[in-house]
């Protein structure tokens, strides 16, 4: 194969990924800057995991610590349907971590995408990405009973056990 053929094959393989990453996919999901998180809804619309909350309507704050043991503390959180929770998140580790609310299927798909695009930046209401020592937050309204997962989708972190669950009761 000559150089042009090899470059053509690489371009053909990269183009669909780049098109997906650059697109504005409105498939039930937050754009995730073009990344499909299908179980979620755009701001202002409810989904199985809830919707971005109004900071003025926060009913309580839950502190979450992320660390280099690849764990969230707490990893299990109980809320009631209708509650608007402020997750006050701290990265107590020495490496970057994130907390992403979603359905496990979509979180796994996003973690896989992060492997191919490790420098991907997030700016979505269901995500907080923190450097070592940083603090940040997510304000989220849980609109219906069920289970909402959360995970760190940085490559290797979810696979090492950096996951948790929010149990939403009536």
N, C-alpha and C. Protein backbone atom coordinates (compact mmCIF):
# COMPACT_ATOMS: atom_id res chain seq x y z
N UNK A 1 0.84 -1.19 0.00
CA UNK A 1 0.00 0.00 0.00
C UNK A 1 0.88 1.24 0.00
N UNK A 2 0.47 2.21 -0.77
CA UNK A 2 1.25 3.44 -0.78
C UNK A 2 0.73 4.40 0.30
N UNK A 3 1.44 5.48 0.46
CA UNK A 3 1.12 6.47 1.50
C UNK A 3 -0.29 7.04 1.35
N UNK A 4 -0.70 7.34 0.10
CA UNK A 4 -2.04 7.90 -0.14
C UNK A 4 -3.13 6.92 0.27
N UNK A 5 -2.93 5.65 -0.04
CA UNK A 5 -3.93 4.64 0.32
C UNK A 5 -4.05 4.51 1.84
N UNK A 6 -2.93 4.51 2.51
CA UNK A 6 -2.93 4.41 3.98
C UNK A 6 -3.62 5.62 4.59
N UNK A 7 -3.28 6.80 4.11
CA UNK A 7 -3.92 8.01 4.63
C UNK A 7 -5.42 7.99 4.35
N UNK A 8 -5.81 7.49 3.18
CA UNK A 8 -7.23 7.39 2.84
C UNK A 8 -7.96 6.47 3.79
N UNK A 9 -7.36 5.34 4.14
CA UNK A 9 -7.98 4.40 5.08
C UNK A 9 -8.09 5.02 6.47
N UNK A 10 -7.06 5.71 6.89
CA UNK A 10 -7.10 6.38 8.20
C UNK A 10 -8.20 7.42 8.21
N UNK A 11 -8.27 8.24 7.16
CA UNK A 11 -9.30 9.29 7.09
C UNK A 11 -10.69 8.66 7.07
N UNK A 12 -10.86 7.57 6.35
CA UNK A 12 -12.17 6.90 6.28
C UNK A 12 -12.57 6.38 7.65
N UNK A 13 -11.60 5.91 8.44
CA UNK A 13 -11.90 5.41 9.77
C UNK A 13 -12.16 6.51 10.78
N UNK A 14 -11.48 7.62 10.62
CA UNK A 14 -11.61 8.71 11.57
C UNK A 14 -12.83 9.57 11.27
N UNK A 15 -13.20 9.72 10.01
CA UNK A 15 -14.29 10.62 9.65
C UNK A 15 -15.59 10.35 10.40
N UNK A 16 -16.07 9.09 10.47
CA UNK A 16 -17.34 8.87 11.19
C UNK A 16 -17.24 9.25 12.67
N UNK A 17 -16.11 8.97 13.29
CA UNK A 17 -15.92 9.32 14.70
C UNK A 17 -15.93 10.83 14.87
N UNK A 18 -15.22 11.52 13.99
CA UNK A 18 -15.16 12.98 14.08
C UNK A 18 -16.53 13.60 13.80
N UNK A 19 -17.26 13.03 12.86
CA UNK A 19 -18.59 13.55 12.55
C UNK A 19 -19.51 13.38 13.75
N UNK A 20 -19.42 12.23 14.41
CA UNK A 20 -20.22 11.99 15.60
C UNK A 20 -19.82 12.97 16.70
N UNK A 21 -18.53 13.15 16.90
CA UNK A 21 -18.05 14.04 17.95
C UNK A 21 -18.42 15.49 17.68
N UNK A 22 -18.45 15.89 16.43
CA UNK A 22 -18.72 17.28 16.11
C UNK A 22 -20.20 17.59 15.98
N UNK A 23 -21.00 16.57 15.79
CA UNK A 23 -22.42 16.80 15.53
C UNK A 23 -23.19 17.25 16.74
N UNK A 24 -24.43 17.67 16.50
CA UNK A 24 -25.34 18.07 17.57
C UNK A 24 -26.45 17.04 17.58
N UNK A 25 -26.26 15.95 18.32
CA UNK A 25 -27.18 14.83 18.30
C UNK A 25 -28.25 15.02 19.35
N UNK A 26 -29.47 15.11 18.91
CA UNK A 26 -30.59 15.33 19.80
C UNK A 26 -31.38 14.03 19.92
N UNK A 27 -30.72 12.97 20.41
CA UNK A 27 -31.33 11.66 20.51
C UNK A 27 -31.79 11.41 21.93
N UNK A 28 -32.50 12.22 22.59
CA UNK A 28 -32.85 12.11 23.99
C UNK A 28 -31.68 12.53 24.87
N UNK A 29 -30.54 12.96 24.37
CA UNK A 29 -29.40 13.15 25.24
C UNK A 29 -28.86 14.55 25.32
N UNK A 30 -28.14 14.80 26.42
CA UNK A 30 -27.33 16.01 26.49
C UNK A 30 -26.34 15.92 25.36
N UNK A 31 -25.96 17.02 24.80
CA UNK A 31 -25.05 16.97 23.68
C UNK A 31 -23.71 16.38 24.05
N UNK A 32 -23.25 16.53 25.28
CA UNK A 32 -21.93 16.07 25.69
C UNK A 32 -20.93 16.52 24.64
N UNK A 33 -21.11 17.74 24.17
CA UNK A 33 -20.33 18.30 23.07
C UNK A 33 -20.32 17.33 21.90
N UNK A 34 -21.50 16.78 21.59
CA UNK A 34 -21.63 15.89 20.45
C UNK A 34 -21.58 14.42 20.81
N UNK A 35 -21.40 14.07 22.07
CA UNK A 35 -21.28 12.68 22.45
C UNK A 35 -22.62 12.19 22.98
N UNK A 36 -23.05 11.05 22.51
CA UNK A 36 -24.37 10.52 22.83
C UNK A 36 -24.44 9.96 24.24
N UNK A 37 -25.23 10.58 25.06
CA UNK A 37 -25.53 10.06 26.39
C UNK A 37 -27.04 9.87 26.38
N UNK A 38 -27.51 8.87 25.65
CA UNK A 38 -28.90 8.73 25.25
C UNK A 38 -29.92 8.75 26.36
N UNK A 39 -29.57 8.36 27.56
CA UNK A 39 -30.57 8.30 28.61
C UNK A 39 -30.90 9.65 29.20
N UNK A 40 -30.27 10.70 28.74
CA UNK A 40 -30.46 12.01 29.33
C UNK A 40 -31.23 12.92 28.40
N UNK A 41 -31.69 14.03 28.96
CA UNK A 41 -32.46 14.99 28.19
C UNK A 41 -31.75 16.33 28.17
N UNK A 42 -32.07 17.12 27.18
CA UNK A 42 -31.56 18.48 27.13
C UNK A 42 -32.11 19.27 28.30
N UNK A 43 -31.40 20.33 28.67
CA UNK A 43 -31.85 21.17 29.79
C UNK A 43 -33.31 21.51 29.65
N UNK A 44 -34.01 21.43 30.78
CA UNK A 44 -35.41 21.81 30.80
C UNK A 44 -36.36 20.67 30.49
N UNK A 45 -35.86 19.52 30.08
CA UNK A 45 -36.71 18.39 29.75
C UNK A 45 -36.36 17.23 30.67
N UNK A 46 -37.39 16.60 31.22
CA UNK A 46 -37.20 15.50 32.16
C UNK A 46 -36.82 14.21 31.43
N UNK A 47 -36.11 13.33 32.12
CA UNK A 47 -35.76 12.02 31.59
C UNK A 47 -35.77 11.03 32.73
N UNK A 48 -35.37 9.80 32.44
CA UNK A 48 -35.33 8.76 33.46
C UNK A 48 -34.38 9.12 34.59
N UNK A 49 -33.37 9.92 34.31
CA UNK A 49 -32.43 10.27 35.38
C UNK A 49 -32.72 11.63 35.99
N UNK A 50 -33.68 12.35 35.48
CA UNK A 50 -34.02 13.66 36.01
C UNK A 50 -33.64 14.76 35.04
N UNK A 51 -33.33 15.93 35.61
CA UNK A 51 -33.00 17.08 34.77
C UNK A 51 -32.12 18.04 35.55
N UNK A 52 -31.44 18.95 34.84
CA UNK A 52 -30.64 19.95 35.55
C UNK A 52 -31.53 20.70 36.53
N UNK A 53 -31.00 20.91 37.73
CA UNK A 53 -31.78 21.58 38.76
C UNK A 53 -31.54 23.08 38.79
N UNK A 54 -32.49 23.78 39.38
CA UNK A 54 -32.38 25.22 39.60
C UNK A 54 -31.68 25.43 40.94
N UNK A 55 -30.52 26.09 40.97
CA UNK A 55 -29.80 26.29 42.22
C UNK A 55 -30.65 26.96 43.31
N UNK A 56 -31.61 27.77 42.93
CA UNK A 56 -32.47 28.44 43.91
C UNK A 56 -33.47 27.47 44.55
N UNK A 57 -33.61 26.28 43.98
CA UNK A 57 -34.57 25.31 44.50
C UNK A 57 -33.91 24.09 45.12
N UNK A 58 -32.61 24.18 45.46
CA UNK A 58 -31.91 23.06 46.07
C UNK A 58 -32.56 22.73 47.41
N UNK A 59 -32.89 21.45 47.59
CA UNK A 59 -33.51 21.01 48.84
C UNK A 59 -32.48 20.50 49.84
N UNK A 60 -31.33 20.04 49.34
CA UNK A 60 -30.22 19.67 50.24
C UNK A 60 -28.94 19.48 49.46
N UNK A 61 -27.85 19.46 50.19
CA UNK A 61 -26.52 19.29 49.60
C UNK A 61 -25.95 17.95 50.03
N UNK A 62 -25.37 17.23 49.09
CA UNK A 62 -24.71 15.96 49.36
C UNK A 62 -23.24 16.13 48.99
N UNK A 63 -22.36 15.90 49.96
CA UNK A 63 -20.92 15.99 49.69
C UNK A 63 -20.43 14.66 49.16
N UNK A 64 -19.64 14.72 48.08
CA UNK A 64 -19.08 13.52 47.46
C UNK A 64 -17.58 13.75 47.31
N UNK A 65 -16.79 12.77 47.73
CA UNK A 65 -15.34 12.85 47.60
C UNK A 65 -14.89 11.79 46.58
N UNK A 66 -14.04 12.20 45.66
CA UNK A 66 -13.43 11.30 44.68
C UNK A 66 -11.96 11.16 45.06
N UNK A 67 -11.42 9.93 44.95
CA UNK A 67 -10.02 9.75 45.33
C UNK A 67 -9.31 8.79 44.39
N UNK A 68 -8.00 8.64 44.61
CA UNK A 68 -7.18 7.81 43.73
C UNK A 68 -7.31 6.32 44.03
N UNK A 69 -8.13 5.94 45.00
CA UNK A 69 -8.48 4.53 45.20
C UNK A 69 -9.58 4.14 44.23
N UNK A 70 -9.93 5.09 43.33
CA UNK A 70 -10.97 4.92 42.32
C UNK A 70 -12.32 4.62 42.97
N UNK A 71 -12.65 5.47 43.95
CA UNK A 71 -13.92 5.33 44.66
C UNK A 71 -14.55 6.70 44.86
N UNK A 72 -15.88 6.67 44.94
CA UNK A 72 -16.67 7.83 45.36
C UNK A 72 -17.07 7.56 46.81
N UNK A 73 -17.04 8.60 47.64
CA UNK A 73 -17.53 8.49 49.01
C UNK A 73 -18.52 9.62 49.22
N UNK A 74 -19.81 9.30 49.43
CA UNK A 74 -20.39 7.96 49.44
C UNK A 74 -20.61 7.45 48.02
N UNK A 75 -20.73 6.14 47.89
CA UNK A 75 -20.99 5.53 46.59
C UNK A 75 -22.48 5.20 46.44
N UNK A 76 -23.22 5.35 47.51
CA UNK A 76 -24.65 5.10 47.49
C UNK A 76 -25.35 6.29 48.14
N UNK A 77 -26.29 6.88 47.41
CA UNK A 77 -26.97 8.10 47.86
C UNK A 77 -28.47 7.88 47.71
N UNK A 78 -29.24 8.26 48.73
CA UNK A 78 -30.69 8.14 48.69
C UNK A 78 -31.32 9.51 48.60
N UNK A 79 -32.25 9.67 47.66
CA UNK A 79 -32.99 10.93 47.51
C UNK A 79 -34.46 10.58 47.29
N UNK A 80 -35.30 11.60 47.33
CA UNK A 80 -36.72 11.42 47.04
C UNK A 80 -37.04 12.06 45.70
N UNK A 81 -37.99 11.45 44.99
CA UNK A 81 -38.43 12.01 43.71
C UNK A 81 -38.90 13.44 43.94
N UNK A 82 -38.47 14.34 43.07
CA UNK A 82 -38.82 15.75 43.19
C UNK A 82 -37.74 16.58 43.85
N UNK A 83 -36.82 15.93 44.58
CA UNK A 83 -35.74 16.68 45.25
C UNK A 83 -34.77 17.26 44.24
N UNK A 84 -34.27 18.45 44.55
CA UNK A 84 -33.19 19.06 43.80
C UNK A 84 -31.97 19.02 44.71
N UNK A 85 -30.96 18.30 44.28
CA UNK A 85 -29.76 18.04 45.09
C UNK A 85 -28.58 18.82 44.52
N UNK A 86 -27.82 19.43 45.43
CA UNK A 86 -26.54 20.03 45.04
C UNK A 86 -25.48 19.01 45.47
N UNK A 87 -24.80 18.43 44.48
CA UNK A 87 -23.67 17.54 44.79
C UNK A 87 -22.45 18.45 44.90
N UNK A 88 -21.88 18.52 46.10
CA UNK A 88 -20.67 19.29 46.33
C UNK A 88 -19.53 18.28 46.24
N UNK A 89 -18.78 18.31 45.15
CA UNK A 89 -17.82 17.26 44.81
C UNK A 89 -16.40 17.76 45.01
N UNK A 90 -15.58 16.92 45.66
CA UNK A 90 -14.17 17.27 45.90
C UNK A 90 -13.28 16.16 45.34
N UNK A 91 -12.24 16.56 44.60
CA UNK A 91 -11.24 15.61 44.13
C UNK A 91 -10.11 15.61 45.16
N UNK A 92 -10.08 14.57 46.00
CA UNK A 92 -9.06 14.45 47.03
C UNK A 92 -7.84 13.69 46.51
N UNK A 93 -7.82 13.35 45.24
CA UNK A 93 -6.73 12.57 44.67
C UNK A 93 -5.63 13.42 44.07
N UNK A 94 -4.70 12.73 43.44
CA UNK A 94 -3.57 13.38 42.79
C UNK A 94 -3.70 13.33 41.26
N UNK A 95 -4.80 12.74 40.77
CA UNK A 95 -5.08 12.71 39.33
C UNK A 95 -6.47 13.28 39.09
N UNK A 96 -6.76 13.63 37.85
CA UNK A 96 -8.06 14.18 37.48
C UNK A 96 -9.15 13.11 37.63
N UNK A 97 -10.32 13.53 38.11
CA UNK A 97 -11.49 12.66 38.23
C UNK A 97 -12.72 13.44 37.80
N UNK A 98 -13.81 12.72 37.52
CA UNK A 98 -15.06 13.37 37.20
C UNK A 98 -16.22 12.56 37.77
N UNK A 99 -17.32 13.24 37.94
CA UNK A 99 -18.57 12.59 38.34
C UNK A 99 -19.58 12.91 37.24
N UNK A 100 -20.13 11.84 36.63
CA UNK A 100 -21.11 11.99 35.57
C UNK A 100 -22.36 11.21 35.97
N UNK A 101 -23.50 11.88 36.04
CA UNK A 101 -24.78 11.23 36.32
C UNK A 101 -25.33 10.67 35.02
N UNK A 102 -25.90 9.46 35.05
CA UNK A 102 -26.49 8.89 33.85
C UNK A 102 -26.98 7.48 34.07
N UNK A 103 -27.33 6.83 32.99
CA UNK A 103 -27.70 5.42 33.02
C UNK A 103 -26.43 4.64 32.69
N UNK A 104 -26.22 3.51 33.36
CA UNK A 104 -24.96 2.77 33.22
C UNK A 104 -24.61 2.46 31.77
N UNK A 105 -25.58 2.11 30.96
CA UNK A 105 -25.31 1.80 29.55
C UNK A 105 -24.65 2.99 28.86
N UNK A 106 -25.18 4.18 29.09
CA UNK A 106 -24.63 5.38 28.46
C UNK A 106 -23.29 5.77 29.07
N UNK A 107 -23.14 5.57 30.38
CA UNK A 107 -21.87 5.88 31.02
C UNK A 107 -20.76 4.98 30.47
N UNK A 108 -21.06 3.71 30.27
CA UNK A 108 -20.07 2.78 29.70
C UNK A 108 -19.71 3.19 28.28
N UNK A 109 -20.72 3.56 27.49
CA UNK A 109 -20.46 3.99 26.11
C UNK A 109 -19.60 5.26 26.10
N UNK A 110 -19.89 6.17 27.03
CA UNK A 110 -19.11 7.41 27.09
C UNK A 110 -17.68 7.12 27.54
N UNK A 111 -17.50 6.19 28.49
CA UNK A 111 -16.16 5.83 28.94
C UNK A 111 -15.36 5.24 27.77
N UNK A 112 -16.01 4.46 26.94
CA UNK A 112 -15.35 3.90 25.76
C UNK A 112 -14.92 5.01 24.81
N UNK A 113 -15.79 5.99 24.61
CA UNK A 113 -15.46 7.13 23.75
C UNK A 113 -14.29 7.92 24.34
N UNK A 114 -14.27 8.04 25.66
CA UNK A 114 -13.18 8.78 26.31
C UNK A 114 -11.82 8.11 26.06
N UNK A 115 -11.81 6.78 25.88
CA UNK A 115 -10.55 6.09 25.58
C UNK A 115 -9.98 6.57 24.25
N UNK A 116 -10.85 6.82 23.28
CA UNK A 116 -10.36 7.25 21.97
C UNK A 116 -10.13 8.76 21.90
N UNK A 117 -10.72 9.50 22.84
CA UNK A 117 -10.55 10.96 22.89
C UNK A 117 -10.25 11.39 24.34
N UNK A 118 -9.08 11.02 24.87
CA UNK A 118 -8.80 11.25 26.28
C UNK A 118 -8.77 12.72 26.72
N UNK A 119 -8.63 13.64 25.81
CA UNK A 119 -8.60 15.06 26.18
C UNK A 119 -9.95 15.74 26.00
N UNK A 120 -11.00 14.94 25.87
CA UNK A 120 -12.36 15.46 25.69
C UNK A 120 -12.73 16.35 26.88
N UNK A 121 -13.31 17.49 26.58
CA UNK A 121 -13.75 18.42 27.62
C UNK A 121 -15.26 18.33 27.77
N UNK A 122 -15.74 18.44 29.00
CA UNK A 122 -17.17 18.37 29.28
C UNK A 122 -17.66 19.71 29.81
N UNK A 123 -18.86 20.05 29.43
CA UNK A 123 -19.50 21.25 29.95
C UNK A 123 -21.01 21.00 29.97
N UNK A 124 -21.40 19.94 30.66
CA UNK A 124 -22.79 19.54 30.72
C UNK A 124 -23.27 19.61 32.16
N UNK A 125 -24.55 19.84 32.36
CA UNK A 125 -25.07 20.00 33.72
C UNK A 125 -25.05 18.72 34.55
N UNK A 126 -24.87 17.55 33.94
CA UNK A 126 -24.83 16.29 34.69
C UNK A 126 -23.40 15.84 34.98
N UNK A 127 -22.42 16.73 34.76
CA UNK A 127 -21.00 16.37 34.86
C UNK A 127 -20.19 17.42 35.60
N UNK A 128 -19.28 16.93 36.44
CA UNK A 128 -18.27 17.82 37.00
C UNK A 128 -16.92 17.11 36.84
N UNK A 129 -15.95 17.81 36.24
CA UNK A 129 -14.63 17.27 35.98
C UNK A 129 -13.63 18.12 36.76
N UNK A 130 -12.86 17.45 37.64
CA UNK A 130 -12.01 18.21 38.57
C UNK A 130 -10.56 17.74 38.54
N UNK A 131 -9.67 18.70 38.55
CA UNK A 131 -8.25 18.43 38.70
C UNK A 131 -7.98 18.13 40.18
N UNK A 132 -6.80 17.57 40.49
CA UNK A 132 -6.48 17.28 41.89
C UNK A 132 -6.67 18.51 42.79
N UNK A 133 -7.35 18.29 43.92
CA UNK A 133 -7.57 19.35 44.90
C UNK A 133 -8.74 20.27 44.59
N UNK A 134 -9.31 20.20 43.40
CA UNK A 134 -10.43 21.08 43.05
C UNK A 134 -11.74 20.61 43.67
N UNK A 135 -12.65 21.58 43.79
CA UNK A 135 -14.01 21.32 44.24
C UNK A 135 -14.96 21.86 43.17
N UNK A 136 -16.10 21.22 43.05
CA UNK A 136 -17.09 21.66 42.08
C UNK A 136 -18.43 21.09 42.43
N UNK A 137 -19.40 21.27 41.55
CA UNK A 137 -20.71 20.77 41.89
C UNK A 137 -21.61 20.51 40.71
N UNK A 138 -22.66 19.78 41.00
CA UNK A 138 -23.74 19.49 40.07
C UNK A 138 -25.02 19.78 40.82
N UNK A 139 -25.96 20.47 40.19
CA UNK A 139 -27.29 20.67 40.76
C UNK A 139 -28.24 19.87 39.88
N UNK A 140 -28.91 18.90 40.47
CA UNK A 140 -29.74 17.98 39.70
C UNK A 140 -31.08 17.74 40.39
N UNK A 141 -32.15 17.75 39.59
CA UNK A 141 -33.46 17.43 40.12
C UNK A 141 -33.81 16.01 39.69
N UNK A 142 -34.13 15.18 40.67
CA UNK A 142 -34.51 13.80 40.42
C UNK A 142 -36.03 13.77 40.31
N UNK A 143 -36.54 13.54 39.12
CA UNK A 143 -37.96 13.72 38.83
C UNK A 143 -38.82 12.49 39.03
N UNK A 144 -38.19 11.29 39.08
CA UNK A 144 -38.99 10.08 39.23
C UNK A 144 -38.23 9.00 39.99
N UNK A 145 -38.99 8.11 40.61
CA UNK A 145 -38.40 7.01 41.38
C UNK A 145 -37.60 6.09 40.45
N UNK A 146 -36.57 5.50 41.00
CA UNK A 146 -35.73 4.57 40.24
C UNK A 146 -34.30 4.67 40.70
N UNK A 147 -33.40 4.30 39.82
CA UNK A 147 -31.97 4.34 40.12
C UNK A 147 -31.25 5.16 39.07
N UNK A 148 -30.36 6.02 39.53
CA UNK A 148 -29.51 6.82 38.65
C UNK A 148 -28.07 6.45 38.99
N UNK A 149 -27.30 6.12 37.98
CA UNK A 149 -25.90 5.77 38.19
C UNK A 149 -25.03 7.01 38.08
N UNK A 150 -23.84 6.92 38.64
CA UNK A 150 -22.83 7.93 38.39
C UNK A 150 -21.48 7.23 38.32
N UNK A 151 -20.56 7.83 37.57
CA UNK A 151 -19.26 7.20 37.35
C UNK A 151 -18.24 8.25 36.94
N UNK A 152 -16.99 7.84 37.05
CA UNK A 152 -15.89 8.62 36.48
C UNK A 152 -15.56 7.95 35.16
N UNK A 153 -15.78 8.65 34.05
CA UNK A 153 -15.57 8.04 32.73
C UNK A 153 -14.18 8.29 32.17
N UNK A 154 -13.27 8.80 33.00
CA UNK A 154 -11.87 8.93 32.57
C UNK A 154 -11.33 7.52 32.37
N UNK A 155 -10.60 7.27 31.27
CA UNK A 155 -10.16 5.91 30.95
C UNK A 155 -9.54 5.17 32.14
N UNK A 156 -10.10 3.98 32.39
CA UNK A 156 -9.62 3.10 33.46
C UNK A 156 -10.27 3.31 34.80
N UNK A 157 -10.87 4.47 35.03
CA UNK A 157 -11.42 4.77 36.35
C UNK A 157 -12.70 3.98 36.62
N UNK A 158 -13.66 4.01 35.71
CA UNK A 158 -14.90 3.26 35.90
C UNK A 158 -14.59 1.77 36.01
N UNK A 159 -13.70 1.29 35.15
CA UNK A 159 -13.34 -0.12 35.15
C UNK A 159 -12.68 -0.54 36.46
N UNK A 160 -12.08 0.41 37.16
CA UNK A 160 -11.45 0.14 38.46
C UNK A 160 -12.43 0.25 39.61
N UNK A 161 -13.69 0.52 39.32
CA UNK A 161 -14.71 0.56 40.36
C UNK A 161 -15.19 1.94 40.75
N UNK A 162 -14.84 2.96 39.98
CA UNK A 162 -15.24 4.32 40.33
C UNK A 162 -16.65 4.58 39.81
N UNK A 163 -17.62 3.99 40.51
CA UNK A 163 -19.04 4.08 40.17
C UNK A 163 -19.86 4.23 41.44
N UNK A 164 -21.09 4.70 41.27
CA UNK A 164 -22.00 4.81 42.40
C UNK A 164 -23.43 4.84 41.91
N UNK A 165 -24.37 4.85 42.89
CA UNK A 165 -25.79 4.84 42.56
C UNK A 165 -26.53 5.83 43.43
N UNK A 166 -27.52 6.48 42.79
CA UNK A 166 -28.48 7.31 43.51
C UNK A 166 -29.79 6.54 43.45
N UNK A 167 -30.35 6.20 44.62
CA UNK A 167 -31.64 5.55 44.69
C UNK A 167 -32.69 6.62 44.94
N UNK A 168 -33.63 6.73 44.00
CA UNK A 168 -34.66 7.75 44.08
C UNK A 168 -35.97 7.08 44.51
N UNK A 169 -36.46 7.43 45.70
CA UNK A 169 -37.71 6.84 46.19
C UNK A 169 -38.86 7.82 46.00
N UNK A 170 -40.09 7.31 46.08
CA UNK A 170 -41.29 8.17 45.95
C UNK A 170 -41.42 9.08 47.14
